[in-house]
Amino acid sequence: MRIYPRHLPVIADEPQAEEFRVIDVDDHRGQGVEVLRRFAAGELLFRMNGVLRDYVTQYTLQVGPNEHLDDPYVGGKVLHCCDPNSMLEPRTRCYIAVRDIEPGELLTMDYDLTEDYLFKAFECRCGADNCRGYVAGRLAEVPAVANA
């Protein structure tokens, strides 16, 4: 069953309700994408759908220079983690599992790998051993306080 609303065209490999659902996670993180079945490392999770924009919003993911795919329904709800379980391949707009993912896990990606600048930078509390402490985009200057 389809997750995306009817006004978006159907695309190959878009996320299905049998495999993913958007849930309220907590007050700090907001909504996230829960995985409903097991995925193996390297497996295609889904292809992101949305509207192409030339500006950043809270739910866009950068797919090229000045190209941002606005997806407030699924792809834009994937949470950040400095040690993520998935990655977005911007050219194909495909999310790929970077490790095995079990049912019940939240789908995560590293925002600094795809975004030049985030809509809103934030202090990271992902809990990963390699947590950078601050996420702003790969070209953004990190405040000195975040490096302390």
N, C-alpha and C. Protein backbone atom coordinates (compact mmCIF):
# COMPACT_ATOMS: atom_id res chain seq x y z
N MET A 1 0.84 -1.18 0.00
CA MET A 1 0.00 0.00 0.00
C MET A 1 0.89 1.25 0.00
N ARG A 2 0.47 2.23 -0.71
CA ARG A 2 1.22 3.47 -0.92
C ARG A 2 1.19 4.37 0.32
N ILE A 3 2.34 5.00 0.62
CA ILE A 3 2.43 5.96 1.72
C ILE A 3 2.22 7.39 1.21
N TYR A 4 2.79 7.70 0.04
CA TYR A 4 2.72 9.05 -0.49
C TYR A 4 1.29 9.43 -0.86
N PRO A 5 0.95 10.71 -0.76
CA PRO A 5 -0.40 11.16 -1.14
C PRO A 5 -0.63 11.06 -2.64
N ARG A 6 -1.88 11.04 -3.02
CA ARG A 6 -2.27 10.85 -4.43
C ARG A 6 -1.79 11.94 -5.37
N HIS A 7 -1.56 13.16 -4.86
CA HIS A 7 -1.16 14.23 -5.77
C HIS A 7 0.27 14.05 -6.29
N LEU A 8 1.07 13.19 -5.66
CA LEU A 8 2.41 12.90 -6.19
C LEU A 8 2.33 11.73 -7.16
N PRO A 9 3.05 11.79 -8.26
CA PRO A 9 3.03 10.68 -9.21
C PRO A 9 3.64 9.42 -8.58
N VAL A 10 3.14 8.28 -8.96
CA VAL A 10 3.72 7.01 -8.49
C VAL A 10 5.06 6.83 -9.18
N ILE A 11 6.09 6.46 -8.39
CA ILE A 11 7.41 6.19 -8.95
C ILE A 11 7.85 4.79 -8.55
N ALA A 12 8.75 4.23 -9.31
CA ALA A 12 9.27 2.90 -9.01
C ALA A 12 10.00 2.93 -7.67
N ASP A 13 9.82 1.88 -6.89
CA ASP A 13 10.53 1.67 -5.63
C ASP A 13 10.20 2.67 -4.54
N GLU A 14 9.06 3.34 -4.62
CA GLU A 14 8.71 4.25 -3.54
C GLU A 14 8.36 3.42 -2.30
N PRO A 15 8.44 4.02 -1.10
CA PRO A 15 8.19 3.27 0.13
C PRO A 15 6.75 2.76 0.21
N GLN A 16 6.61 1.61 0.81
CA GLN A 16 5.29 0.99 0.96
C GLN A 16 4.93 0.88 2.44
N ALA A 17 3.62 0.97 2.74
CA ALA A 17 3.14 0.94 4.11
C ALA A 17 3.42 -0.39 4.80
N GLU A 18 3.67 -1.45 4.05
CA GLU A 18 3.98 -2.74 4.66
C GLU A 18 5.42 -2.79 5.17
N GLU A 19 6.25 -1.82 4.72
CA GLU A 19 7.67 -1.83 5.08
C GLU A 19 8.09 -0.67 5.97
N PHE A 20 7.34 0.43 5.93
CA PHE A 20 7.71 1.64 6.68
C PHE A 20 6.45 2.33 7.19
N ARG A 21 6.61 3.05 8.30
CA ARG A 21 5.54 3.93 8.75
C ARG A 21 6.17 5.13 9.45
N VAL A 22 5.53 6.27 9.30
CA VAL A 22 5.97 7.50 9.95
C VAL A 22 5.31 7.53 11.32
N ILE A 23 6.15 7.73 12.37
CA ILE A 23 5.65 7.74 13.74
C ILE A 23 6.13 9.01 14.47
N ASP A 24 5.43 9.36 15.52
CA ASP A 24 5.89 10.40 16.43
C ASP A 24 6.93 9.75 17.34
N VAL A 25 8.17 10.28 17.31
CA VAL A 25 9.25 9.67 18.08
C VAL A 25 9.29 10.27 19.49
N ASP A 26 9.55 11.56 19.58
CA ASP A 26 9.56 12.27 20.86
C ASP A 26 9.55 13.76 20.59
N ASP A 27 9.50 14.55 21.66
CA ASP A 27 9.42 16.01 21.51
C ASP A 27 10.68 16.60 20.90
N HIS A 28 11.83 15.98 21.13
CA HIS A 28 13.10 16.49 20.59
C HIS A 28 13.25 16.19 19.10
N ARG A 29 12.98 14.95 18.69
CA ARG A 29 13.20 14.54 17.30
C ARG A 29 11.98 14.68 16.41
N GLY A 30 10.82 14.80 16.96
CA GLY A 30 9.61 14.92 16.13
C GLY A 30 9.22 13.58 15.53
N GLN A 31 8.95 13.56 14.24
CA GLN A 31 8.54 12.34 13.57
C GLN A 31 9.75 11.64 12.94
N GLY A 32 9.63 10.33 12.79
CA GLY A 32 10.66 9.53 12.16
C GLY A 32 10.03 8.40 11.38
N VAL A 33 10.86 7.66 10.65
CA VAL A 33 10.39 6.55 9.83
C VAL A 33 10.79 5.24 10.51
N GLU A 34 9.78 4.47 10.92
CA GLU A 34 10.02 3.17 11.54
C GLU A 34 10.07 2.09 10.47
N VAL A 35 11.03 1.21 10.58
CA VAL A 35 11.19 0.10 9.64
C VAL A 35 10.33 -1.07 10.14
N LEU A 36 9.56 -1.70 9.25
CA LEU A 36 8.62 -2.76 9.65
C LEU A 36 9.06 -4.17 9.24
N ARG A 37 10.13 -4.26 8.45
CA ARG A 37 10.65 -5.59 8.09
C ARG A 37 12.17 -5.51 8.06
N ARG A 38 12.82 -6.65 8.05
CA ARG A 38 14.27 -6.68 8.04
C ARG A 38 14.80 -6.31 6.65
N PHE A 39 15.86 -5.51 6.64
CA PHE A 39 16.58 -5.17 5.42
C PHE A 39 18.05 -5.54 5.62
N ALA A 40 18.67 -6.09 4.61
CA ALA A 40 20.09 -6.46 4.67
C ALA A 40 20.95 -5.29 4.20
N ALA A 41 22.17 -5.24 4.70
CA ALA A 41 23.12 -4.21 4.27
C ALA A 41 23.23 -4.24 2.74
N GLY A 42 23.19 -3.06 2.13
CA GLY A 42 23.28 -2.94 0.67
C GLY A 42 21.94 -2.99 -0.04
N GLU A 43 20.88 -3.35 0.66
CA GLU A 43 19.56 -3.48 0.05
C GLU A 43 18.91 -2.10 -0.17
N LEU A 44 18.21 -1.97 -1.29
CA LEU A 44 17.43 -0.76 -1.56
C LEU A 44 16.29 -0.68 -0.57
N LEU A 45 16.18 0.43 0.13
CA LEU A 45 15.07 0.64 1.05
C LEU A 45 13.88 1.24 0.30
N PHE A 46 14.11 2.37 -0.35
CA PHE A 46 13.07 2.98 -1.17
C PHE A 46 13.66 4.13 -1.97
N ARG A 47 12.91 4.57 -2.96
CA ARG A 47 13.25 5.76 -3.76
C ARG A 47 12.37 6.91 -3.25
N MET A 48 13.01 8.01 -2.99
CA MET A 48 12.33 9.19 -2.45
C MET A 48 11.52 9.89 -3.53
N ASN A 49 10.35 10.34 -3.16
CA ASN A 49 9.47 11.08 -4.04
C ASN A 49 9.33 12.50 -3.49
N GLY A 50 8.79 13.40 -4.25
CA GLY A 50 8.57 14.75 -3.75
C GLY A 50 8.58 15.77 -4.86
N VAL A 51 8.70 17.02 -4.47
CA VAL A 51 8.69 18.15 -5.40
C VAL A 51 10.07 18.79 -5.39
N LEU A 52 10.64 18.98 -6.57
CA LEU A 52 11.96 19.59 -6.70
C LEU A 52 11.86 21.09 -6.45
N ARG A 53 12.75 21.59 -5.60
CA ARG A 53 12.79 23.02 -5.26
C ARG A 53 14.21 23.54 -5.47
N ASP A 54 14.35 24.86 -5.58
CA ASP A 54 15.69 25.46 -5.69
C ASP A 54 16.09 26.11 -4.37
N TYR A 55 15.42 25.72 -3.29
CA TYR A 55 15.71 26.24 -1.96
C TYR A 55 15.51 25.12 -0.92
N VAL A 56 16.09 25.33 0.25
CA VAL A 56 16.05 24.35 1.34
C VAL A 56 14.82 24.59 2.22
N THR A 57 14.18 23.52 2.63
CA THR A 57 13.13 23.57 3.65
C THR A 57 13.48 22.54 4.72
N GLN A 58 12.67 22.46 5.74
CA GLN A 58 12.91 21.47 6.79
C GLN A 58 12.86 20.04 6.24
N TYR A 59 12.10 19.79 5.20
CA TYR A 59 11.89 18.43 4.71
C TYR A 59 12.54 18.16 3.36
N THR A 60 13.42 19.06 2.90
CA THR A 60 14.11 18.79 1.64
C THR A 60 15.39 18.03 1.90
N LEU A 61 15.81 17.30 0.89
CA LEU A 61 17.12 16.66 0.86
C LEU A 61 17.78 17.09 -0.43
N GLN A 62 19.02 17.49 -0.32
CA GLN A 62 19.75 18.02 -1.47
C GLN A 62 20.10 16.88 -2.43
N VAL A 63 19.69 17.03 -3.68
CA VAL A 63 19.96 16.01 -4.69
C VAL A 63 20.89 16.53 -5.78
N GLY A 64 21.28 17.80 -5.69
CA GLY A 64 22.20 18.40 -6.64
C GLY A 64 22.44 19.84 -6.25
N PRO A 65 23.35 20.52 -6.96
CA PRO A 65 23.57 21.94 -6.66
C PRO A 65 22.28 22.73 -6.86
N ASN A 66 21.84 23.41 -5.83
CA ASN A 66 20.59 24.18 -5.86
C ASN A 66 19.38 23.34 -6.25
N GLU A 67 19.43 22.03 -5.97
CA GLU A 67 18.29 21.14 -6.21
C GLU A 67 17.99 20.41 -4.90
N HIS A 68 16.77 20.61 -4.42
CA HIS A 68 16.36 20.04 -3.15
C HIS A 68 15.01 19.36 -3.35
N LEU A 69 14.94 18.08 -3.03
CA LEU A 69 13.69 17.33 -3.17
C LEU A 69 12.89 17.48 -1.88
N ASP A 70 11.74 18.11 -1.98
CA ASP A 70 10.88 18.38 -0.83
C ASP A 70 9.95 17.19 -0.63
N ASP A 71 10.15 16.49 0.49
CA ASP A 71 9.35 15.31 0.81
C ASP A 71 8.96 15.36 2.29
N PRO A 72 7.86 16.05 2.61
CA PRO A 72 7.43 16.13 4.00
C PRO A 72 6.66 14.89 4.46
N TYR A 73 6.62 13.85 3.63
CA TYR A 73 5.82 12.66 3.91
C TYR A 73 6.65 11.48 4.41
N VAL A 74 7.81 11.21 3.79
CA VAL A 74 8.62 10.05 4.17
C VAL A 74 10.11 10.41 4.21
N GLY A 75 10.71 10.67 3.06
CA GLY A 75 12.15 10.92 2.99
C GLY A 75 12.59 12.05 3.89
N GLY A 76 11.81 13.09 3.99
CA GLY A 76 12.13 14.22 4.85
C GLY A 76 11.94 13.93 6.33
N LYS A 77 11.43 12.76 6.66
CA LYS A 77 11.22 12.36 8.06
C LYS A 77 12.32 11.41 8.55
N VAL A 78 13.24 11.02 7.67
CA VAL A 78 14.35 10.15 8.09
C VAL A 78 15.24 10.97 9.02
N LEU A 79 15.48 10.45 10.21
CA LEU A 79 16.22 11.17 11.24
C LEU A 79 17.72 11.12 11.01
N HIS A 80 18.42 12.08 11.62
CA HIS A 80 19.89 12.11 11.55
C HIS A 80 20.51 11.20 12.59
N CYS A 81 21.63 10.60 12.22
CA CYS A 81 22.51 9.91 13.15
C CYS A 81 23.92 9.99 12.58
N CYS A 82 24.91 10.22 13.44
CA CYS A 82 26.30 10.29 12.98
C CYS A 82 26.82 8.91 12.59
N ASP A 83 26.14 7.85 13.01
CA ASP A 83 26.45 6.47 12.62
C ASP A 83 25.16 5.85 12.10
N PRO A 84 24.72 6.25 10.89
CA PRO A 84 23.39 5.90 10.39
C PRO A 84 23.26 4.46 9.91
N ASN A 85 21.99 4.04 9.77
CA ASN A 85 21.72 2.71 9.21
C ASN A 85 21.38 2.76 7.72
N SER A 86 21.30 3.97 7.16
CA SER A 86 21.02 4.10 5.72
C SER A 86 21.76 5.32 5.17
N MET A 87 21.77 5.39 3.85
CA MET A 87 22.33 6.56 3.16
C MET A 87 21.45 6.89 1.98
N LEU A 88 21.42 8.14 1.61
CA LEU A 88 20.69 8.58 0.44
C LEU A 88 21.69 8.78 -0.69
N GLU A 89 21.42 8.15 -1.83
CA GLU A 89 22.22 8.37 -3.04
C GLU A 89 21.50 9.47 -3.80
N PRO A 90 22.02 10.71 -3.73
CA PRO A 90 21.28 11.85 -4.29
C PRO A 90 20.93 11.73 -5.77
N ARG A 91 21.82 11.19 -6.58
CA ARG A 91 21.56 11.12 -8.02
C ARG A 91 20.34 10.27 -8.33
N THR A 92 20.20 9.13 -7.66
CA THR A 92 19.07 8.23 -7.92
C THR A 92 17.90 8.45 -6.96
N ARG A 93 18.15 9.22 -5.88
CA ARG A 93 17.16 9.47 -4.83
C ARG A 93 16.78 8.20 -4.08
N CYS A 94 17.71 7.25 -4.05
CA CYS A 94 17.47 5.98 -3.38
C CYS A 94 18.11 5.94 -2.00
N TYR A 95 17.35 5.45 -1.04
CA TYR A 95 17.88 5.15 0.28
C TYR A 95 18.37 3.70 0.25
N ILE A 96 19.59 3.48 0.74
CA ILE A 96 20.22 2.17 0.76
C ILE A 96 20.59 1.84 2.20
N ALA A 97 20.39 0.59 2.62
CA ALA A 97 20.80 0.16 3.96
C ALA A 97 22.32 0.05 3.99
N VAL A 98 22.97 0.69 4.96
CA VAL A 98 24.43 0.60 5.08
C VAL A 98 24.83 -0.50 6.06
N ARG A 99 23.87 -1.02 6.77
CA ARG A 99 24.05 -2.19 7.64
C ARG A 99 22.70 -2.89 7.73
N ASP A 100 22.68 -4.07 8.30
CA ASP A 100 21.40 -4.76 8.49
C ASP A 100 20.51 -3.90 9.37
N ILE A 101 19.23 -3.84 9.02
CA ILE A 101 18.25 -3.06 9.77
C ILE A 101 17.12 -4.00 10.19
N GLU A 102 16.79 -3.98 11.46
CA GLU A 102 15.77 -4.86 12.01
C GLU A 102 14.43 -4.14 12.16
N PRO A 103 13.33 -4.89 12.13
CA PRO A 103 12.01 -4.28 12.35
C PRO A 103 11.99 -3.53 13.68
N GLY A 104 11.34 -2.37 13.68
CA GLY A 104 11.24 -1.56 14.88
C GLY A 104 12.30 -0.48 14.97
N GLU A 105 13.36 -0.57 14.17
CA GLU A 105 14.39 0.48 14.17
C GLU A 105 13.86 1.72 13.45
N LEU A 106 14.38 2.86 13.87
CA LEU A 106 14.12 4.11 13.14
C LEU A 106 15.14 4.23 12.02
N LEU A 107 14.69 4.66 10.87
CA LEU A 107 15.59 4.87 9.74
C LEU A 107 16.39 6.14 9.99
N THR A 108 17.72 6.06 9.82
CA THR A 108 18.59 7.21 10.04
C THR A 108 19.54 7.39 8.87
N MET A 109 20.00 8.63 8.73
CA MET A 109 21.01 8.98 7.73
C MET A 109 21.87 10.08 8.32
N ASP A 110 23.04 10.32 7.73
CA ASP A 110 23.91 11.40 8.18
C ASP A 110 23.65 12.61 7.30
N TYR A 111 22.99 13.62 7.85
CA TYR A 111 22.63 14.82 7.08
C TYR A 111 23.85 15.52 6.49
N ASP A 112 24.98 15.46 7.19
CA ASP A 112 26.17 16.14 6.69
C ASP A 112 26.74 15.51 5.42
N LEU A 113 26.30 14.31 5.06
CA LEU A 113 26.79 13.67 3.84
C LEU A 113 26.06 14.13 2.59
N THR A 114 24.86 14.67 2.74
CA THR A 114 24.09 15.08 1.56
C THR A 114 23.84 16.58 1.49
N GLU A 115 23.78 17.25 2.63
CA GLU A 115 23.37 18.65 2.65
C GLU A 115 24.57 19.59 2.72
N ASP A 116 24.61 20.59 1.84
CA ASP A 116 25.63 21.64 1.97
C ASP A 116 25.35 22.45 3.23
N TYR A 117 24.10 22.88 3.40
CA TYR A 117 23.67 23.64 4.57
C TYR A 117 22.29 23.15 4.98
N LEU A 118 22.08 22.93 6.26
CA LEU A 118 20.77 22.51 6.74
C LEU A 118 19.83 23.70 6.85
N PHE A 119 18.55 23.44 6.76
CA PHE A 119 17.52 24.45 6.99
C PHE A 119 17.69 25.02 8.40
N LYS A 120 17.98 24.14 9.35
CA LYS A 120 18.19 24.54 10.75
C LYS A 120 19.25 23.63 11.35
N ALA A 121 20.42 24.20 11.66
CA ALA A 121 21.49 23.43 12.32
C ALA A 121 21.03 23.06 13.73
N PHE A 122 21.64 22.00 14.29
CA PHE A 122 21.22 21.57 15.62
C PHE A 122 22.34 20.84 16.36
N GLU A 123 22.22 20.84 17.68
CA GLU A 123 23.11 20.05 18.51
C GLU A 123 22.66 18.61 18.41
N CYS A 124 23.58 17.74 18.06
CA CYS A 124 23.25 16.33 17.87
C CYS A 124 23.31 15.59 19.20
N ARG A 125 22.32 14.76 19.42
CA ARG A 125 22.27 13.89 20.59
C ARG A 125 21.97 12.47 20.16
N CYS A 126 22.58 12.06 19.04
CA CYS A 126 22.27 10.75 18.48
C CYS A 126 22.78 9.59 19.32
N GLY A 127 23.80 9.85 20.15
CA GLY A 127 24.32 8.80 21.02
C GLY A 127 25.35 7.89 20.37
N ALA A 128 25.69 8.12 19.12
CA ALA A 128 26.69 7.29 18.45
C ALA A 128 28.07 7.56 19.04
N ASP A 129 28.92 6.55 19.04
CA ASP A 129 30.29 6.71 19.55
C ASP A 129 31.03 7.82 18.80
N ASN A 130 30.73 7.99 17.53
CA ASN A 130 31.40 9.00 16.71
C ASN A 130 30.56 10.27 16.53
N CYS A 131 29.65 10.53 17.45
CA CYS A 131 28.77 11.70 17.35
C CYS A 131 29.61 12.98 17.28
N ARG A 132 29.31 13.82 16.30
CA ARG A 132 30.04 15.07 16.09
C ARG A 132 29.54 16.19 17.00
N GLY A 133 28.37 16.04 17.60
CA GLY A 133 27.86 17.02 18.54
C GLY A 133 27.10 18.18 17.92
N TYR A 134 27.31 18.44 16.65
CA TYR A 134 26.63 19.55 15.98
C TYR A 134 26.50 19.20 14.51
N VAL A 135 25.34 19.43 13.95
CA VAL A 135 25.07 19.11 12.55
C VAL A 135 24.54 20.36 11.86
N ALA A 136 25.21 20.78 10.80
CA ALA A 136 24.83 22.02 10.11
C ALA A 136 24.90 21.89 8.60
N GLY A 137 25.48 20.80 8.09
CA GLY A 137 25.72 20.64 6.66
C GLY A 137 27.21 20.58 6.41
N ARG A 138 27.59 19.94 5.32
CA ARG A 138 29.01 19.69 5.07
C ARG A 138 29.84 20.94 4.80
N LEU A 139 29.21 22.03 4.34
CA LEU A 139 29.94 23.26 4.06
C LEU A 139 29.79 24.32 5.15
N ALA A 140 28.96 24.04 6.13
CA ALA A 140 28.69 25.03 7.18
C ALA A 140 29.83 25.09 8.18
N GLU A 141 30.05 26.26 8.71
CA GLU A 141 31.02 26.42 9.79
C GLU A 141 30.39 25.98 11.09
N VAL A 142 31.09 25.15 11.84
CA VAL A 142 30.59 24.66 13.11
C VAL A 142 31.04 25.63 14.20
N PRO A 143 30.11 26.09 15.04
CA PRO A 143 30.49 27.01 16.11
C PRO A 143 31.54 26.39 17.03
N ALA A 144 32.46 27.22 17.54
CA ALA A 144 33.54 26.73 18.40
C ALA A 144 33.00 26.00 19.62
N VAL A 145 31.87 26.45 20.15
CA VAL A 145 31.28 25.81 21.32
C VAL A 145 30.89 24.36 21.01
N ALA A 146 30.51 24.06 19.78
CA ALA A 146 30.14 22.70 19.39
C ALA A 146 31.35 21.79 19.32
N ASN A 147 32.53 22.34 19.11
CA ASN A 147 33.74 21.53 19.03
C ASN A 147 34.38 21.29 20.38
N ALA A 148 33.91 21.99 21.41
CA ALA A 148 34.52 21.90 22.74
C ALA A 148 34.17 20.60 23.44
